[in-house]
Protein backbone atom coordinates (compact mmCIF):
# COMPACT_ATOMS: atom_id res chain seq x y z
CA MET A 1 21.13 12.77 25.25
CA SER A 2 24.15 13.95 23.30
CA SER A 3 23.92 15.45 19.86
CA TYR A 4 25.86 12.51 18.48
CA ALA A 5 23.28 10.08 19.85
CA LEU A 6 20.44 12.15 18.38
CA TYR A 7 22.07 12.23 14.94
CA THR A 8 22.73 8.49 15.11
CA LEU A 9 19.13 7.87 16.14
CA ARG A 10 17.94 10.10 13.30
CA ASP A 11 20.02 8.10 10.82
CA LEU A 12 18.49 4.89 12.12
CA ARG A 13 15.00 6.35 11.87
CA VAL A 14 15.64 7.56 8.32
CA THR A 15 16.80 4.08 7.38
CA ALA A 16 13.69 2.56 8.96
CA GLU A 17 11.47 5.03 7.11
CA LYS A 18 13.12 4.19 3.79
CA GLN A 19 12.61 0.49 4.46
CA ALA A 20 8.96 1.13 5.31
CA GLU A 21 8.63 3.13 2.09
CA ARG A 22 10.06 0.23 0.07
CA SER A 23 7.68 -2.17 1.80
CA LEU A 24 4.79 0.15 1.03
CA GLY A 25 5.80 0.24 -2.63
CA ALA A 26 5.88 -3.54 -2.79
CA ALA A 27 2.50 -3.81 -1.07
CA VAL A 28 0.94 -1.26 -3.43
CA SER A 29 2.39 -3.11 -6.40
CA ALA A 30 0.98 -6.42 -5.14
CA LEU A 31 -2.42 -4.82 -4.59
CA ARG A 32 -2.44 -3.35 -8.10
CA ALA A 33 -1.55 -6.76 -9.55
CA ALA A 34 -4.36 -8.39 -7.56
CA GLU A 35 -6.82 -5.74 -8.75
CA ALA A 36 -5.72 -6.29 -12.36
CA GLU A 37 -6.25 -10.03 -11.95
CA ARG A 38 -9.70 -9.36 -10.50
CA GLU A 39 -10.55 -7.22 -13.53
CA ARG A 40 -9.36 -9.99 -15.83
CA LEU A 41 -11.52 -12.54 -14.02
CA VAL A 42 -14.54 -10.25 -14.10
CA GLY A 43 -13.99 -9.88 -17.85
CA ARG A 44 -13.93 -13.66 -18.20
CA LEU A 45 -17.17 -13.89 -16.22
CA ASP A 46 -18.79 -11.30 -18.48
CA GLN A 47 -17.63 -13.28 -21.52
CA ALA A 48 -19.04 -16.52 -20.10
CA ARG A 49 -22.37 -14.86 -19.36
CA ALA A 50 -22.45 -13.31 -22.82
CA ALA A 51 -21.67 -16.67 -24.45
CA GLU A 52 -24.44 -18.31 -22.49
CA ALA A 53 -26.93 -15.54 -23.32
CA GLY A 54 -25.93 -15.61 -27.00
CA ALA A 55 -26.36 -19.37 -27.19
CA ARG A 56 -29.77 -19.12 -25.52
CA ALA A 57 -30.79 -16.48 -28.06
CA ARG A 58 -29.88 -18.85 -30.91
CA GLU A 59 -31.65 -21.78 -29.29
CA ARG A 60 -33.73 -23.98 -31.62
CA PRO A 61 -36.01 -26.81 -30.68
CA ALA A 62 -34.15 -30.11 -30.72
CA GLY A 63 -35.36 -32.51 -33.39
CA THR A 64 -34.02 -35.73 -31.94
CA ALA A 65 -33.12 -37.15 -28.58
CA LEU A 66 -29.44 -37.07 -29.54
CA ALA A 67 -29.70 -33.38 -30.45
CA ALA A 68 -31.49 -32.66 -27.15
CA GLN A 69 -28.81 -34.52 -25.19
CA THR A 70 -26.05 -32.66 -27.05
CA GLU A 71 -27.79 -29.39 -26.31
CA ARG A 72 -28.07 -30.20 -22.59
CA ARG A 73 -24.36 -31.00 -22.45
CA PHE A 74 -23.62 -27.73 -24.26
CA TRP A 75 -25.70 -25.76 -21.72
CA ALA A 76 -24.07 -27.63 -18.86
CA ARG A 77 -20.61 -26.76 -20.21
CA LEU A 78 -21.52 -23.07 -20.50
CA ALA A 79 -23.01 -23.05 -16.99
CA ALA A 80 -19.98 -24.89 -15.60
CA GLU A 81 -17.63 -22.34 -17.17
CA ARG A 82 -19.63 -19.46 -15.71
CA GLN A 83 -19.70 -21.09 -12.27
CA ALA A 84 -15.98 -21.88 -12.39
CA VAL A 85 -15.12 -18.26 -13.17
CA ALA A 86 -17.47 -17.00 -10.44
CA LYS A 87 -15.81 -19.40 -7.98
CA ALA A 88 -12.36 -18.22 -9.11
CA ILE A 89 -13.43 -14.62 -8.49
CA ASP A 90 -14.62 -15.47 -4.97
CA HIS A 91 -11.42 -17.39 -4.24
CA HIS A 92 -9.32 -14.52 -5.60
CA ARG A 93 -11.24 -11.99 -3.51
CA THR A 94 -10.74 -13.90 -0.27
CA GLY A 95 -7.36 -15.50 -0.94
CA VAL A 96 -5.45 -12.82 -2.82
CA LEU A 97 -7.19 -9.46 -3.01
CA GLY A 98 -8.26 -9.27 0.65
CA PRO A 99 -4.83 -10.09 2.07
CA ALA A 100 -3.17 -7.73 -0.44
CA ALA A 101 -5.45 -4.89 0.62
CA ARG A 102 -4.75 -5.58 4.29
CA ALA A 103 -1.00 -5.76 3.65
CA GLU A 104 -1.14 -2.45 1.81
CA ALA A 105 -3.05 -0.79 4.68
CA GLU A 106 -0.57 -2.21 7.22
CA ALA A 107 2.37 -0.98 5.11
CA ARG A 108 0.82 2.50 4.94
CA ASP A 109 0.43 2.52 8.73
CA ALA A 110 3.99 1.30 9.25
CA HIS A 111 5.31 3.99 6.90
CA LEU A 112 3.33 6.67 8.72
CA ARG A 113 4.65 5.50 12.10
CA ALA A 114 8.23 5.39 10.79
CA ARG A 115 7.91 8.93 9.42
CA GLN A 116 6.44 10.19 12.69
CA ARG A 117 9.27 8.57 14.67
CA ARG A 118 11.86 10.24 12.40
CA GLU A 119 10.10 13.60 12.76
CA VAL A 120 10.18 13.31 16.56
CA VAL A 121 13.96 12.88 16.48
CA GLU A 122 14.39 15.74 13.99
CA LYS A 123 12.34 18.03 16.24
CA ALA A 124 14.52 17.04 19.20
CA ILE A 125 17.62 17.85 17.15
CA ALA A 126 16.13 21.19 16.12
CA ARG A 127 15.29 22.05 19.75
CA ARG A 128 18.78 21.08 20.87
CA GLU A 129 20.43 23.12 18.11
CA ALA A 130 18.20 26.11 18.92
CA ALA A 131 19.17 25.85 22.59
CA LEU A 132 22.86 25.65 21.68
CA ARG A 133 22.48 28.64 19.36
CA ARG A 134 20.78 30.65 22.15
CA ASP A 135 23.56 29.71 24.57
CA ARG A 136 26.24 30.83 22.08
CA GLU A 137 24.40 34.11 21.50
CA ARG A 138 24.06 34.72 25.25
CA ARG A 139 27.74 33.97 25.79
CA ALA A 140 28.73 36.27 22.95
CA GLU A 141 26.48 38.97 24.35
CA ALA A 142 27.90 38.47 27.87
CA ALA A 143 31.44 38.57 26.48
CA ALA A 144 30.64 41.79 24.62
CA ASP A 145 29.17 43.30 27.81
CA ASP A 146 32.24 42.27 29.80
CA LEU A 147 34.53 43.76 27.16
CA GLY A 148 32.50 46.98 27.19
CA ARG A 149 32.72 47.21 30.96
CA ARG A 150 36.48 46.66 30.91
CA ARG A 151 37.00 49.33 28.29
CA GLY A 152 34.71 51.72 30.13
CA LYS A 153 36.83 51.69 33.31
């Protein structure tokens, strides 16, 4: 393979590595956003649980049937809010956070492979340049020997 082809291949591999790096950055950003949303939802769940516990602590016996019915609706609303947030957390975990984590892991792997492919080409270039340098040194040494022999006659 010619040096030109190796340098062209290296340029292509560098471009691919940069693209993989950009993709990794986007995947990490999406994962961080999903984690922040998860934290927000967990905070909402904690608030719903705290509201329910606080209301239970202030519970008084109902004096009338209307008061008892109102209280049951109040408890049902608090429980429904808590359940809705818990369901949203589960949906977020499976629908957003899980895929974001997988995408981030895949982007990391793709970036690693792209870097390794670039390094392989750079090592080939380095070996080729070292071989060319050795050849030039040998030729220079042979030329110096030939010149010394000619002068010595």
